[in-house]
Protein backbone atom coordinates (compact mmCIF):
# COMPACT_ATOMS: atom_id res chain seq x y z
CA UNK A 1 -136.33 161.39 -46.50
CA UNK A 2 -136.73 161.61 -50.26
CA UNK A 3 -138.29 158.72 -52.16
CA UNK A 4 -134.97 157.95 -53.92
CA UNK A 5 -133.21 157.76 -50.56
CA UNK A 6 -135.86 155.43 -49.17
CA UNK A 7 -135.59 153.15 -52.20
CA UNK A 8 -131.82 153.02 -51.90
CA UNK A 9 -132.05 152.26 -48.18
CA UNK A 10 -134.28 149.29 -49.01
CA UNK A 11 -131.68 148.04 -51.49
CA UNK A 12 -128.94 148.46 -48.89
CA UNK A 13 -130.96 146.33 -46.48
CA UNK A 14 -131.45 143.71 -49.19
CA UNK A 15 -127.70 143.36 -49.63
CA UNK A 16 -127.25 143.07 -45.86
CA UNK A 17 -130.09 140.56 -45.47
CA UNK A 18 -129.01 138.33 -48.34
CA UNK A 19 -125.39 138.60 -47.27
CA UNK A 20 -126.40 137.15 -43.91
CA UNK A 21 -128.38 134.43 -45.69
CA UNK A 22 -125.29 133.55 -47.70
CA UNK A 23 -123.26 133.50 -44.48
CA UNK A 24 -125.81 131.36 -42.63
CA UNK A 25 -126.01 128.98 -45.60
CA UNK A 26 -122.27 128.43 -45.53
CA UNK A 27 -121.75 130.00 -48.95
CA UNK A 28 -119.28 132.49 -47.45
CA UNK A 29 -117.27 132.87 -44.25
CA UNK A 30 -116.38 136.04 -42.37
CA UNK A 31 -115.67 138.63 -45.09
CA UNK A 32 -115.26 136.56 -48.26
CA UNK A 33 -117.64 136.86 -51.22
CA UNK A 34 -119.57 139.96 -52.18
CA UNK A 35 -122.97 141.20 -53.35
CA UNK A 36 -124.15 144.11 -55.46
CA UNK A 37 -127.26 145.74 -56.88
CA UNK A 38 -127.76 148.00 -59.88
CA UNK A 39 -129.45 151.13 -58.49
CA UNK A 40 -129.52 153.17 -61.70
CA UNK A 41 -127.78 153.31 -65.05
CA UNK A 42 -124.56 154.65 -63.55
CA UNK A 43 -125.01 153.81 -59.88
CA UNK A 44 -124.26 150.51 -58.14
CA UNK A 45 -124.37 149.41 -54.52
CA UNK A 46 -121.57 147.01 -53.56
CA UNK A 47 -120.39 145.22 -50.45
CA UNK A 48 -117.63 146.82 -48.38
CA UNK A 49 -114.17 145.29 -48.19
CA UNK A 50 -113.14 143.38 -45.04
CA UNK A 51 -116.24 143.93 -42.91
CA UNK A 52 -117.71 140.72 -41.41
CA UNK A 53 -121.27 139.97 -42.55
CA UNK A 54 -122.61 139.94 -39.01
CA UNK A 55 -121.26 143.44 -38.31
CA UNK A 56 -122.34 145.25 -41.48
CA UNK A 57 -124.65 148.26 -41.37
CA UNK A 58 -126.47 150.02 -44.24
CA UNK A 59 -123.92 152.84 -44.09
CA UNK A 60 -121.07 150.35 -44.69
CA UNK A 61 -122.18 149.72 -48.27
CA UNK A 62 -120.46 151.66 -51.02
CA UNK A 63 -121.95 153.36 -54.08
CA UNK A 64 -119.79 153.30 -57.22
CA UNK A 65 -120.31 154.38 -60.81
CA UNK A 66 -119.79 152.29 -63.94
CA UNK A 67 -116.04 153.01 -63.88
CA UNK A 68 -115.60 152.09 -60.22
CA UNK A 69 -115.41 155.64 -58.86
CA UNK A 70 -116.77 155.87 -55.31
CA UNK A 71 -119.83 158.12 -55.23
CA UNK A 72 -120.85 157.54 -51.61
CA UNK A 73 -119.59 155.62 -48.61
CA UNK A 74 -116.70 155.71 -46.14
CA UNK A 75 -115.61 152.10 -46.62
CA UNK A 76 -113.51 150.66 -49.44
CA UNK A 77 -115.64 148.80 -51.99
CA UNK A 78 -115.13 145.07 -52.44
CA UNK A 79 -111.95 144.27 -54.35
CA UNK A 80 -114.12 142.39 -56.87
CA UNK A 81 -115.95 145.53 -58.07
CA UNK A 82 -114.40 145.17 -61.54
CA UNK A 83 -116.00 141.74 -61.93
CA UNK A 84 -119.42 143.03 -60.90
CA UNK A 85 -119.26 146.00 -63.25
CA UNK A 86 -118.12 143.82 -66.16
CA UNK A 87 -121.21 141.65 -65.74
CA UNK A 88 -123.56 144.64 -65.45
CA UNK A 89 -122.11 146.17 -68.62
CA UNK A 90 -122.53 142.92 -70.55
CA UNK A 91 -125.97 141.97 -69.18
CA UNK A 92 -128.62 144.68 -69.07
CA UNK A 93 -131.08 142.08 -67.74
CA UNK A 94 -128.98 141.65 -64.57
CA UNK A 95 -129.76 143.90 -61.61
CA UNK A 96 -128.20 141.90 -58.77
CA UNK A 97 -125.14 139.71 -58.26
CA UNK A 98 -124.11 137.23 -55.57
CA UNK A 99 -120.49 136.08 -55.63
CA UNK A 100 -119.75 133.34 -53.11
CA UNK A 101 -117.42 130.44 -52.27
CA UNK A 102 -119.77 127.50 -51.55
CA UNK A 103 -118.00 124.17 -51.06
CA UNK A 104 -119.35 122.06 -53.92
CA UNK A 105 -119.24 124.80 -56.53
CA UNK A 106 -115.69 125.52 -55.41
CA UNK A 107 -114.75 121.86 -55.78
CA UNK A 108 -115.87 121.95 -59.41
CA UNK A 109 -114.08 125.28 -59.91
CA UNK A 110 -110.87 123.74 -58.55
CA UNK A 111 -110.96 120.66 -60.80
CA UNK A 112 -112.14 122.72 -63.78
CA UNK A 113 -115.33 120.71 -64.22
CA UNK A 114 -118.44 122.49 -65.60
CA UNK A 115 -121.78 121.69 -64.01
CA UNK A 116 -123.84 119.90 -66.70
CA UNK A 117 -127.65 119.43 -66.73
CA UNK A 118 -127.98 116.47 -64.38
CA UNK A 119 -131.49 117.35 -63.18
CA UNK A 120 -134.50 118.26 -65.29
CA UNK A 121 -135.21 121.43 -63.31
CA UNK A 122 -131.70 122.83 -63.75
CA UNK A 123 -132.19 124.27 -67.22
CA UNK A 124 -135.24 126.47 -66.49
CA UNK A 125 -133.42 128.11 -63.59
CA UNK A 126 -129.80 128.20 -64.75
CA UNK A 127 -130.15 128.38 -68.53
CA UNK A 128 -127.76 125.58 -69.42
CA UNK A 129 -124.36 124.21 -68.47
CA UNK A 130 -122.69 126.22 -65.71
CA UNK A 131 -119.28 126.81 -67.27
CA UNK A 132 -115.92 127.30 -65.56
CA UNK A 133 -114.18 130.56 -66.44
CA UNK A 134 -110.52 130.74 -67.40
CA UNK A 135 -108.27 131.53 -64.47
CA UNK A 136 -107.60 135.17 -63.70
CA UNK A 137 -106.35 136.84 -60.51
CA UNK A 138 -109.02 137.88 -58.01
CA UNK A 139 -109.81 141.58 -58.21
CA UNK A 140 -108.32 142.03 -61.65
CA UNK A 141 -109.93 143.40 -64.79
CA UNK A 142 -109.12 140.08 -66.44
CA UNK A 143 -111.35 138.12 -64.07
CA UNK A 144 -114.27 140.34 -65.04
CA UNK A 145 -113.69 139.59 -68.72
CA UNK A 146 -113.24 135.87 -68.11
CA UNK A 147 -116.31 135.52 -65.91
CA UNK A 148 -118.52 137.53 -68.26
CA UNK A 149 -117.48 135.42 -71.23
CA UNK A 150 -118.20 132.12 -69.47
CA UNK A 151 -121.44 133.37 -67.92
CA UNK A 152 -122.92 134.22 -71.31
CA UNK A 153 -126.69 134.51 -71.07
CA UNK A 154 -126.97 132.04 -68.21
CA UNK A 155 -127.69 132.61 -64.52
CA UNK A 156 -124.46 131.32 -63.00
CA UNK A 157 -120.79 130.67 -63.67
CA UNK A 158 -118.04 128.84 -61.80
CA UNK A 159 -114.93 130.96 -61.28
CA UNK A 160 -111.75 128.97 -61.80
CA UNK A 161 -109.96 128.19 -58.51
CA UNK A 162 -112.24 130.64 -56.74
CA UNK A 163 -116.00 130.09 -56.34
CA UNK A 164 -119.09 131.09 -58.26
CA UNK A 165 -121.08 134.09 -59.43
CA UNK A 166 -124.87 134.14 -59.69
CA UNK A 167 -127.06 136.80 -61.27
CA UNK A 168 -130.71 137.76 -61.35
CA UNK A 169 -133.31 140.37 -62.14
CA UNK A 170 -133.26 141.24 -58.44
CA UNK A 171 -131.41 140.13 -55.32
CA UNK A 172 -134.01 137.52 -54.44
CA UNK A 173 -133.51 135.84 -57.83
CA UNK A 174 -129.71 136.05 -57.64
CA UNK A 175 -129.66 134.41 -54.22
CA UNK A 176 -132.18 131.80 -55.31
CA UNK A 177 -129.81 130.92 -58.14
CA UNK A 178 -126.94 130.65 -55.65
CA UNK A 179 -128.95 128.11 -53.65
CA UNK A 180 -129.90 126.12 -56.72
CA UNK A 181 -126.43 125.95 -58.22
CA UNK A 182 -124.82 124.78 -54.97
CA UNK A 183 -127.49 122.10 -54.53
CA UNK A 184 -126.98 120.84 -58.08
CA UNK A 185 -123.20 120.95 -57.68
CA UNK A 186 -123.44 118.82 -54.54
CA UNK A 187 -125.56 116.25 -56.37
CA UNK A 188 -123.17 116.21 -59.33
CA UNK A 189 -120.03 115.85 -57.19
CA UNK A 190 -121.70 113.04 -55.22
CA UNK A 191 -122.73 111.29 -58.44
CA UNK A 192 -119.20 111.61 -59.82
CA UNK A 193 -117.86 109.94 -56.68
CA UNK A 194 -120.12 106.96 -57.39
CA UNK A 195 -118.66 106.69 -60.86
CA UNK A 196 -121.76 107.21 -62.99
CA UNK A 197 -123.64 110.29 -64.16
CA UNK A 198 -126.62 110.43 -66.51
CA UNK A 199 -127.35 113.80 -68.10
CA UNK A 200 -130.75 115.14 -69.10
CA UNK A 201 -131.31 114.05 -72.75
CA UNK A 202 -130.41 116.64 -75.39
CA UNK A 203 -133.97 116.80 -76.72
CA UNK A 204 -135.27 117.74 -73.30
CA UNK A 205 -132.48 120.30 -72.86
CA UNK A 206 -133.59 122.09 -76.03
CA UNK A 207 -137.20 122.15 -74.82
CA UNK A 208 -136.18 123.88 -71.59
CA UNK A 209 -134.38 126.82 -73.24
CA UNK A 210 -137.47 129.00 -73.82
CA UNK A 211 -138.64 128.32 -70.26
CA UNK A 212 -135.43 129.82 -68.87
CA UNK A 213 -135.88 132.97 -70.97
CA UNK A 214 -139.44 133.31 -69.65
CA UNK A 215 -138.62 132.65 -65.99
CA UNK A 216 -135.58 134.93 -65.75
CA UNK A 217 -137.73 137.98 -66.53
CA UNK A 218 -140.40 137.23 -63.93
CA UNK A 219 -140.65 139.18 -60.67
CA UNK A 220 -140.23 136.71 -57.80
């Protein structure tokens, strides 16, 4: 097996492994949500459509180019491939994406409530307020534009009436972000139910900005 093939097989296994982690964490159920990895400038590995996480094999993943053309694979690519490609085109620092439907992030996405900096450690990992994108139909080109705009330079975005999308330098970082943002969303929703929320002071928020830029480029 050529070195390029071996490297791609490792990336395929990463998508399968982290897909199962997302499933086991309750971030997705059955076939919902999707993951992807940038393999090369014009080559992306994406989840297959309508294949349960527990039944997926490396060969089920689909390779597409930057326009969505299938380069390899027998399965249909996830219907959200336009959203993934829109993010990759806008963010050259992003090499992996996890799109999921975790409960607390989805609650905020349903009520249209951004996730503000309620914990001091949020800013270094997420890069600021996790915004809610404008509504657009799932699978459409519009949702890619909306999500990319609301994501900005940050590590996560809430997708209106849908779920969330988390990005990273690699799949480990993208999934780590998915864990963080759901934890923070749970804390925020719980605090809202108690009727009082205190945000991290603005001065501290500004101090944390450079830390996010430093951490997002590290290999973890």
